[in-house]
N, C-alpha and C. Protein backbone atom coordinates (compact mmCIF):
# COMPACT_ATOMS: atom_id res chain seq x y z
N MET A 1 11.52 4.00 -18.98
CA MET A 1 10.99 3.36 -17.79
C MET A 1 9.48 3.17 -17.96
N GLY A 2 8.97 2.25 -17.23
CA GLY A 2 7.55 1.95 -17.32
C GLY A 2 6.74 2.72 -16.30
N ALA A 3 5.48 2.45 -16.31
CA ALA A 3 4.55 3.06 -15.35
C ALA A 3 3.87 1.94 -14.58
N THR A 4 3.21 2.31 -13.51
CA THR A 4 2.47 1.31 -12.76
C THR A 4 1.34 0.79 -13.66
N PRO A 5 0.90 -0.45 -13.45
CA PRO A 5 -0.10 -1.02 -14.35
C PRO A 5 -1.43 -0.27 -14.36
N TRP A 6 -1.82 0.27 -13.25
CA TRP A 6 -3.09 1.00 -13.18
C TRP A 6 -2.78 2.36 -12.60
N TYR A 7 -2.71 3.38 -13.46
CA TYR A 7 -2.39 4.70 -12.96
C TYR A 7 -3.27 5.74 -13.62
N ASP A 8 -3.64 6.73 -12.84
CA ASP A 8 -4.34 7.90 -13.35
C ASP A 8 -4.11 9.01 -12.34
N LYS A 9 -3.95 10.23 -12.83
CA LYS A 9 -3.74 11.36 -11.92
C LYS A 9 -4.99 11.64 -11.08
N ASP A 10 -6.14 11.32 -11.64
CA ASP A 10 -7.39 11.50 -10.93
C ASP A 10 -7.56 10.35 -9.93
N ARG A 11 -7.65 10.67 -8.65
CA ARG A 11 -7.71 9.65 -7.61
C ARG A 11 -8.90 8.72 -7.74
N ARG A 12 -10.03 9.28 -8.08
CA ARG A 12 -11.22 8.46 -8.23
C ARG A 12 -11.06 7.45 -9.36
N GLU A 13 -10.51 7.91 -10.47
CA GLU A 13 -10.26 7.03 -11.61
C GLU A 13 -9.19 5.99 -11.26
N LEU A 14 -8.17 6.39 -10.52
CA LEU A 14 -7.13 5.47 -10.09
C LEU A 14 -7.73 4.30 -9.31
N PHE A 15 -8.60 4.60 -8.33
CA PHE A 15 -9.20 3.54 -7.55
C PHE A 15 -10.16 2.69 -8.38
N ARG A 16 -10.83 3.29 -9.36
CA ARG A 16 -11.67 2.50 -10.25
C ARG A 16 -10.80 1.53 -11.05
N LEU A 17 -9.68 2.02 -11.56
CA LEU A 17 -8.77 1.17 -12.32
C LEU A 17 -8.23 0.03 -11.46
N LEU A 18 -7.86 0.35 -10.23
CA LEU A 18 -7.34 -0.67 -9.32
C LEU A 18 -8.35 -1.79 -9.11
N LYS A 19 -9.63 -1.43 -9.05
CA LYS A 19 -10.67 -2.42 -8.79
C LYS A 19 -11.13 -3.16 -10.04
N GLU A 20 -11.12 -2.49 -11.21
CA GLU A 20 -11.81 -3.03 -12.37
C GLU A 20 -10.99 -3.26 -13.63
N ALA A 21 -9.97 -2.47 -13.87
CA ALA A 21 -9.27 -2.51 -15.16
C ALA A 21 -8.44 -3.78 -15.31
N PRO A 22 -8.41 -4.32 -16.51
CA PRO A 22 -7.59 -5.51 -16.73
C PRO A 22 -6.11 -5.15 -16.66
N LEU A 23 -5.29 -6.15 -16.37
CA LEU A 23 -3.84 -5.94 -16.35
C LEU A 23 -3.33 -6.14 -17.76
N ASP A 24 -2.88 -5.07 -18.39
CA ASP A 24 -2.33 -5.15 -19.73
C ASP A 24 -0.81 -5.23 -19.62
N VAL A 25 -0.27 -6.41 -19.90
CA VAL A 25 1.18 -6.61 -19.84
C VAL A 25 1.73 -6.29 -21.22
N PRO A 26 2.78 -5.46 -21.29
CA PRO A 26 3.36 -5.11 -22.60
C PRO A 26 3.82 -6.35 -23.37
N LYS A 27 3.74 -6.27 -24.69
CA LYS A 27 4.07 -7.41 -25.56
C LYS A 27 5.52 -7.86 -25.43
N HIS A 28 6.42 -6.95 -25.05
CA HIS A 28 7.83 -7.33 -24.95
C HIS A 28 8.14 -8.15 -23.69
N VAL A 29 7.18 -8.27 -22.78
CA VAL A 29 7.36 -9.07 -21.56
C VAL A 29 7.12 -10.54 -21.92
N SER A 30 8.05 -11.40 -21.51
CA SER A 30 7.94 -12.83 -21.83
C SER A 30 6.67 -13.42 -21.22
N ALA A 31 6.22 -14.53 -21.80
CA ALA A 31 5.02 -15.19 -21.28
C ALA A 31 5.19 -15.62 -19.82
N PRO A 32 6.33 -16.23 -19.43
CA PRO A 32 6.48 -16.59 -18.01
C PRO A 32 6.47 -15.37 -17.09
N ALA A 33 7.09 -14.27 -17.52
CA ALA A 33 7.08 -13.05 -16.70
C ALA A 33 5.67 -12.48 -16.59
N ALA A 34 4.92 -12.50 -17.68
CA ALA A 34 3.54 -12.01 -17.67
C ALA A 34 2.68 -12.85 -16.73
N LYS A 35 2.87 -14.17 -16.75
CA LYS A 35 2.11 -15.05 -15.85
C LYS A 35 2.45 -14.76 -14.39
N LEU A 36 3.73 -14.51 -14.12
CA LEU A 36 4.16 -14.17 -12.76
C LEU A 36 3.50 -12.88 -12.30
N LEU A 37 3.54 -11.86 -13.15
CA LEU A 37 2.92 -10.58 -12.80
C LEU A 37 1.42 -10.73 -12.53
N ARG A 38 0.75 -11.48 -13.40
CA ARG A 38 -0.69 -11.68 -13.21
C ARG A 38 -1.00 -12.38 -11.89
N ARG A 39 -0.19 -13.35 -11.52
CA ARG A 39 -0.41 -14.06 -10.26
C ARG A 39 -0.08 -13.19 -9.05
N LEU A 40 0.96 -12.37 -9.14
CA LEU A 40 1.33 -11.49 -8.03
C LEU A 40 0.33 -10.37 -7.83
N LEU A 41 -0.29 -9.93 -8.93
CA LEU A 41 -1.22 -8.79 -8.87
C LEU A 41 -2.68 -9.22 -8.90
N ASP A 42 -2.95 -10.47 -8.61
CA ASP A 42 -4.33 -10.97 -8.56
C ASP A 42 -5.13 -10.13 -7.56
N ARG A 43 -6.30 -9.68 -7.96
CA ARG A 43 -7.12 -8.86 -7.06
C ARG A 43 -7.62 -9.64 -5.84
N ASP A 44 -7.75 -10.94 -5.99
CA ASP A 44 -8.18 -11.78 -4.87
C ASP A 44 -6.93 -12.11 -4.04
N PRO A 45 -6.82 -11.58 -2.83
CA PRO A 45 -5.62 -11.83 -2.02
C PRO A 45 -5.31 -13.31 -1.83
N LEU A 46 -6.34 -14.13 -1.77
CA LEU A 46 -6.11 -15.57 -1.59
C LEU A 46 -5.64 -16.25 -2.87
N GLY A 47 -5.85 -15.59 -4.01
CA GLY A 47 -5.43 -16.15 -5.29
C GLY A 47 -4.03 -15.71 -5.71
N ARG A 48 -3.45 -14.78 -4.97
CA ARG A 48 -2.12 -14.28 -5.32
C ARG A 48 -1.05 -15.33 -5.11
N LEU A 49 -0.07 -15.30 -5.99
CA LEU A 49 1.06 -16.20 -5.85
C LEU A 49 1.74 -15.93 -4.52
N GLY A 50 1.94 -16.96 -3.74
CA GLY A 50 2.56 -16.82 -2.43
C GLY A 50 1.56 -16.83 -1.31
N ALA A 51 0.27 -16.64 -1.61
CA ALA A 51 -0.75 -16.60 -0.56
C ALA A 51 -0.94 -17.97 0.08
N ALA A 52 -0.81 -19.02 -0.71
CA ALA A 52 -1.04 -20.36 -0.18
C ALA A 52 0.20 -20.94 0.50
N ALA A 53 1.36 -20.82 -0.15
CA ALA A 53 2.56 -21.49 0.37
C ALA A 53 3.72 -20.53 0.60
N GLY A 54 3.46 -19.24 0.62
CA GLY A 54 4.51 -18.28 0.90
C GLY A 54 5.54 -18.14 -0.21
N ALA A 55 6.75 -17.74 0.17
CA ALA A 55 7.81 -17.45 -0.79
C ALA A 55 8.19 -18.67 -1.62
N SER A 56 8.05 -19.87 -1.05
CA SER A 56 8.42 -21.07 -1.81
C SER A 56 7.57 -21.21 -3.07
N GLU A 57 6.32 -20.78 -2.98
CA GLU A 57 5.43 -20.82 -4.14
C GLU A 57 5.95 -19.89 -5.24
N ILE A 58 6.46 -18.75 -4.84
CA ILE A 58 7.02 -17.79 -5.81
C ILE A 58 8.31 -18.34 -6.40
N ARG A 59 9.18 -18.91 -5.58
CA ARG A 59 10.45 -19.46 -6.06
C ARG A 59 10.24 -20.59 -7.06
N LYS A 60 9.13 -21.32 -6.94
CA LYS A 60 8.86 -22.46 -7.83
C LYS A 60 8.19 -22.04 -9.14
N HIS A 61 7.78 -20.78 -9.26
CA HIS A 61 7.10 -20.33 -10.47
C HIS A 61 8.05 -20.47 -11.67
N GLN A 62 7.50 -20.76 -12.82
CA GLN A 62 8.26 -20.97 -14.06
C GLN A 62 9.28 -19.85 -14.31
N PHE A 63 8.92 -18.61 -14.07
CA PHE A 63 9.83 -17.50 -14.32
C PHE A 63 11.02 -17.51 -13.37
N MET A 64 10.80 -17.97 -12.14
CA MET A 64 11.84 -17.95 -11.11
C MET A 64 12.69 -19.22 -11.06
N ARG A 65 12.22 -20.30 -11.67
CA ARG A 65 12.91 -21.59 -11.58
C ARG A 65 14.38 -21.56 -11.96
N PRO A 66 14.78 -20.84 -13.01
CA PRO A 66 16.20 -20.86 -13.39
C PRO A 66 17.12 -20.17 -12.37
N LEU A 67 16.57 -19.40 -11.48
CA LEU A 67 17.38 -18.64 -10.54
C LEU A 67 17.99 -19.55 -9.47
N ASP A 68 19.30 -19.41 -9.24
CA ASP A 68 19.98 -20.15 -8.19
C ASP A 68 19.81 -19.36 -6.90
N TRP A 69 18.82 -19.74 -6.11
CA TRP A 69 18.47 -18.99 -4.90
C TRP A 69 19.59 -19.00 -3.87
N ASP A 70 20.33 -20.10 -3.77
CA ASP A 70 21.44 -20.15 -2.81
C ASP A 70 22.54 -19.17 -3.22
N ALA A 71 22.86 -19.13 -4.52
CA ALA A 71 23.87 -18.18 -5.01
C ALA A 71 23.39 -16.74 -4.81
N LEU A 72 22.10 -16.53 -4.99
CA LEU A 72 21.54 -15.20 -4.78
C LEU A 72 21.72 -14.78 -3.31
N LEU A 73 21.39 -15.68 -2.40
CA LEU A 73 21.54 -15.38 -0.97
C LEU A 73 23.00 -15.14 -0.59
N ARG A 74 23.93 -15.80 -1.29
CA ARG A 74 25.35 -15.58 -1.03
C ARG A 74 25.88 -14.35 -1.76
N ARG A 75 25.00 -13.67 -2.50
CA ARG A 75 25.34 -12.47 -3.28
C ARG A 75 26.39 -12.75 -4.36
N GLU A 76 26.26 -13.90 -4.98
CA GLU A 76 27.19 -14.30 -6.03
C GLU A 76 26.65 -14.00 -7.43
N ILE A 77 25.44 -13.53 -7.51
CA ILE A 77 24.82 -13.22 -8.81
C ILE A 77 24.92 -11.73 -9.06
N GLU A 78 25.47 -11.37 -10.20
CA GLU A 78 25.60 -9.97 -10.57
C GLU A 78 24.22 -9.43 -10.96
N PRO A 79 23.79 -8.32 -10.37
CA PRO A 79 22.47 -7.78 -10.74
C PRO A 79 22.48 -7.26 -12.17
N PRO A 80 21.34 -7.39 -12.88
CA PRO A 80 21.28 -6.90 -14.27
C PRO A 80 21.35 -5.37 -14.35
N PHE A 81 21.04 -4.70 -13.26
CA PHE A 81 21.09 -3.23 -13.21
C PHE A 81 21.57 -2.82 -11.84
N ARG A 82 22.55 -1.95 -11.80
CA ARG A 82 23.05 -1.44 -10.53
C ARG A 82 22.84 0.08 -10.54
N PRO A 83 21.95 0.59 -9.68
CA PRO A 83 21.69 2.03 -9.66
C PRO A 83 22.94 2.84 -9.34
N SER A 84 23.02 4.00 -9.92
CA SER A 84 24.14 4.89 -9.66
C SER A 84 24.07 5.40 -8.23
N SER A 85 25.18 5.33 -7.54
CA SER A 85 25.22 5.87 -6.17
C SER A 85 26.27 6.95 -6.03
N HIS A 86 26.93 7.29 -7.12
CA HIS A 86 27.98 8.31 -7.08
C HIS A 86 27.52 9.57 -7.81
N HIS A 87 26.50 10.19 -7.25
CA HIS A 87 25.93 11.37 -7.89
C HIS A 87 25.45 12.32 -6.81
N ASP A 88 25.52 13.61 -7.08
CA ASP A 88 25.12 14.61 -6.08
C ASP A 88 23.61 14.64 -5.84
N HIS A 89 22.83 14.32 -6.87
CA HIS A 89 21.38 14.40 -6.76
C HIS A 89 20.85 13.08 -6.23
N PRO A 90 20.14 13.07 -5.09
CA PRO A 90 19.69 11.80 -4.50
C PRO A 90 18.67 11.04 -5.34
N ALA A 91 17.98 11.70 -6.26
CA ALA A 91 16.94 11.04 -7.04
C ALA A 91 17.38 10.79 -8.48
N VAL A 92 18.68 10.64 -8.70
CA VAL A 92 19.22 10.48 -10.04
C VAL A 92 18.66 9.25 -10.76
N ASN A 93 18.26 8.21 -10.03
CA ASN A 93 17.76 6.99 -10.65
C ASN A 93 16.26 6.98 -10.89
N PHE A 94 15.60 8.11 -10.64
CA PHE A 94 14.15 8.19 -10.83
C PHE A 94 13.82 9.05 -12.03
N GLU A 95 12.70 8.76 -12.65
CA GLU A 95 12.23 9.55 -13.79
C GLU A 95 11.95 10.98 -13.33
N PRO A 96 12.31 12.00 -14.12
CA PRO A 96 12.06 13.39 -13.74
C PRO A 96 10.59 13.67 -13.42
N GLU A 97 9.67 13.00 -14.15
CA GLU A 97 8.24 13.22 -13.89
C GLU A 97 7.88 12.83 -12.46
N SER A 98 8.50 11.77 -11.96
CA SER A 98 8.21 11.31 -10.60
C SER A 98 8.81 12.25 -9.56
N VAL A 99 10.00 12.71 -9.82
CA VAL A 99 10.70 13.56 -8.87
C VAL A 99 10.02 14.93 -8.76
N ASP A 100 9.48 15.41 -9.87
CA ASP A 100 8.89 16.74 -9.90
C ASP A 100 7.42 16.78 -9.49
N MET A 101 6.83 15.63 -9.14
CA MET A 101 5.42 15.59 -8.76
C MET A 101 5.18 16.32 -7.45
N ALA A 102 4.03 16.95 -7.34
CA ALA A 102 3.67 17.63 -6.10
C ALA A 102 3.42 16.59 -5.01
N VAL A 103 3.77 16.95 -3.80
CA VAL A 103 3.53 16.07 -2.66
C VAL A 103 2.11 16.32 -2.17
N VAL A 104 1.36 15.25 -2.00
CA VAL A 104 -0.02 15.36 -1.54
C VAL A 104 -0.12 14.66 -0.19
N THR A 105 -0.64 15.35 0.79
CA THR A 105 -0.81 14.74 2.11
C THR A 105 -2.21 14.17 2.19
N LEU A 106 -2.35 13.03 2.83
CA LEU A 106 -3.64 12.40 2.98
C LEU A 106 -4.07 12.41 4.44
N ASP A 107 -5.34 12.58 4.65
CA ASP A 107 -5.92 12.42 5.97
C ASP A 107 -5.90 10.91 6.23
N LYS A 108 -5.13 10.47 7.21
CA LYS A 108 -4.95 9.03 7.45
C LYS A 108 -6.25 8.32 7.77
N GLU A 109 -7.15 9.00 8.43
CA GLU A 109 -8.42 8.36 8.81
C GLU A 109 -9.31 8.11 7.60
N GLN A 110 -9.41 9.11 6.74
CA GLN A 110 -10.39 9.03 5.65
C GLN A 110 -9.77 8.87 4.27
N GLY A 111 -8.43 9.02 4.16
CA GLY A 111 -7.79 8.91 2.86
C GLY A 111 -8.15 10.05 1.94
N ILE A 112 -8.30 11.25 2.49
CA ILE A 112 -8.69 12.41 1.70
C ILE A 112 -7.49 13.32 1.54
N ALA A 113 -7.19 13.71 0.32
CA ALA A 113 -6.06 14.57 0.05
C ALA A 113 -6.37 16.01 0.42
N ASP A 114 -5.31 16.76 0.73
CA ASP A 114 -5.48 18.18 1.03
C ASP A 114 -6.27 18.87 -0.07
N GLY A 115 -7.24 19.65 0.30
CA GLY A 115 -8.00 20.44 -0.67
C GLY A 115 -9.15 19.68 -1.32
N GLU A 116 -9.29 18.39 -1.09
CA GLU A 116 -10.39 17.64 -1.69
C GLU A 116 -11.64 17.80 -0.86
N ASP A 117 -12.76 17.78 -1.53
CA ASP A 117 -14.05 17.84 -0.84
C ASP A 117 -14.33 16.47 -0.24
N PRO A 118 -14.40 16.34 1.10
CA PRO A 118 -14.61 15.04 1.73
C PRO A 118 -15.87 14.33 1.27
N ASP A 119 -16.89 15.10 0.89
CA ASP A 119 -18.15 14.49 0.46
C ASP A 119 -18.08 13.96 -0.97
N ALA A 120 -17.06 14.42 -1.73
CA ALA A 120 -16.95 14.01 -3.13
C ALA A 120 -16.00 12.82 -3.30
N VAL A 121 -15.30 12.43 -2.24
CA VAL A 121 -14.32 11.35 -2.33
C VAL A 121 -14.88 10.08 -1.72
N PRO A 122 -14.90 8.98 -2.49
CA PRO A 122 -15.36 7.73 -1.89
C PRO A 122 -14.40 7.33 -0.77
N ARG A 123 -14.94 6.98 0.40
CA ARG A 123 -14.09 6.69 1.55
C ARG A 123 -13.74 5.23 1.69
N THR A 124 -14.54 4.37 1.11
CA THR A 124 -14.25 2.94 1.23
C THR A 124 -14.32 2.28 -0.13
N PHE A 125 -13.59 1.21 -0.24
CA PHE A 125 -13.59 0.41 -1.46
C PHE A 125 -13.82 -1.03 -1.00
N PRO A 126 -15.08 -1.42 -0.81
CA PRO A 126 -15.37 -2.72 -0.20
C PRO A 126 -14.83 -3.92 -0.99
N ASP A 127 -14.63 -3.78 -2.29
CA ASP A 127 -14.16 -4.92 -3.07
C ASP A 127 -12.66 -4.93 -3.26
N PHE A 128 -11.95 -4.03 -2.59
CA PHE A 128 -10.51 -3.91 -2.78
C PHE A 128 -9.81 -4.28 -1.48
N ALA A 129 -8.89 -5.23 -1.55
CA ALA A 129 -8.15 -5.64 -0.34
C ALA A 129 -6.70 -5.87 -0.69
N VAL A 130 -5.81 -5.49 0.18
CA VAL A 130 -4.40 -5.72 -0.02
C VAL A 130 -4.04 -7.12 0.48
N VAL A 131 -4.53 -7.48 1.63
CA VAL A 131 -4.33 -8.82 2.19
C VAL A 131 -5.67 -9.30 2.77
N PRO A 132 -5.87 -10.59 2.81
CA PRO A 132 -7.12 -11.09 3.39
C PRO A 132 -7.17 -10.80 4.88
N ASP A 133 -8.37 -10.67 5.41
CA ASP A 133 -8.53 -10.44 6.83
C ASP A 133 -7.81 -11.52 7.62
N GLY A 134 -7.05 -11.10 8.63
CA GLY A 134 -6.35 -12.02 9.49
C GLY A 134 -5.06 -12.58 8.93
N ALA A 135 -4.70 -12.23 7.68
CA ALA A 135 -3.49 -12.78 7.07
C ALA A 135 -2.23 -12.37 7.80
N LEU A 136 -2.22 -11.18 8.34
CA LEU A 136 -1.03 -10.70 9.04
C LEU A 136 -0.89 -11.33 10.41
N ALA A 137 -1.95 -11.94 10.91
CA ALA A 137 -1.91 -12.56 12.24
C ALA A 137 -1.32 -13.96 12.20
N ARG A 138 -1.18 -14.54 10.98
CA ARG A 138 -0.66 -15.91 10.86
C ARG A 138 0.78 -16.00 11.25
C-alpha cells in the first residue's frame, strides 16, 4: 500500500511539506493518472480540477474519459478491488502501521495536540487553504 503524498510524523514538518514539498508521483503511475493527481492536489484551490466547472470537469479529464459514468451510476461496473467484509477484525483492510498508531487529540480552536507546547506549535498557515474563501457558500 502507498502513503499519503506529503507525510511526516513530526507535525511541524508535515505542515511544511503540505505547503512547500513537490508532489512526487511514483513512476509506475500512468501519465494521465499523474496529471489527474496533480490537478486534484493543486495547492491553489482555484486551480484544482473541479474548482471551475465542478464534477463535470473531473469526468472530462483524460484519465476519466474511458469510464462509462452512466454504467457506474447503475452499478454495472465491477470494482477493481472489493474490500473484505467477512472478517472479525474491523480494520482488516488497513495497514497494521495505521491501525496501531496512537490516537492524538487536537485542541479544535488552536490545532494543538495533547502534550504539545502551545508556544512551540505554529497556529496558522496563511498560505495553506483547503477551499477558497466563500466556496462553500456557492
